[in-house]
Amino acid sequence: MLTFACDSNCVEAPALAPSDLSCDSDGDCAAVWSGSICYDGCDCTSVPANVAAQARMQSALSSVLNGPNGCPCPSAGTPRCFAHECVLCAPGDQSQSAACQSDAGADGG
């Protein structure tokens, strides 16, 4: 369910459920949006989720994600699967946790 923010051109990204983080491999994970997403803003992905949640969120937010600005976003990080849960590793930081080490997500942790 979408909730409109104070600006009619903005919506709140749907909340993620624990099942939206489940994964078996790195390919099951993606970066998605959180918070207020606005049609005329530069809305970048910022949290991890599985690709099923990403598809639902893209559909739910399609009215604002297809805005005119399309500005480039900095990398939110690399989505990885660790212990069957999607995590987001900071760009270039392969040492912040076991999940972000170079081969940690290769087989789903």
Foldseek 3Di string as FASTA:
>chain_A
DWDADPDNQKIAQDDDDQQQFFDFFLLQKDFAFGGIAGQPDDTDGAWMGGVVSRVVRCVVCVSRVPHDPPDDDDDNARWAAAPRGTGGHPPPDQDPDCRSPPCRRHRRD
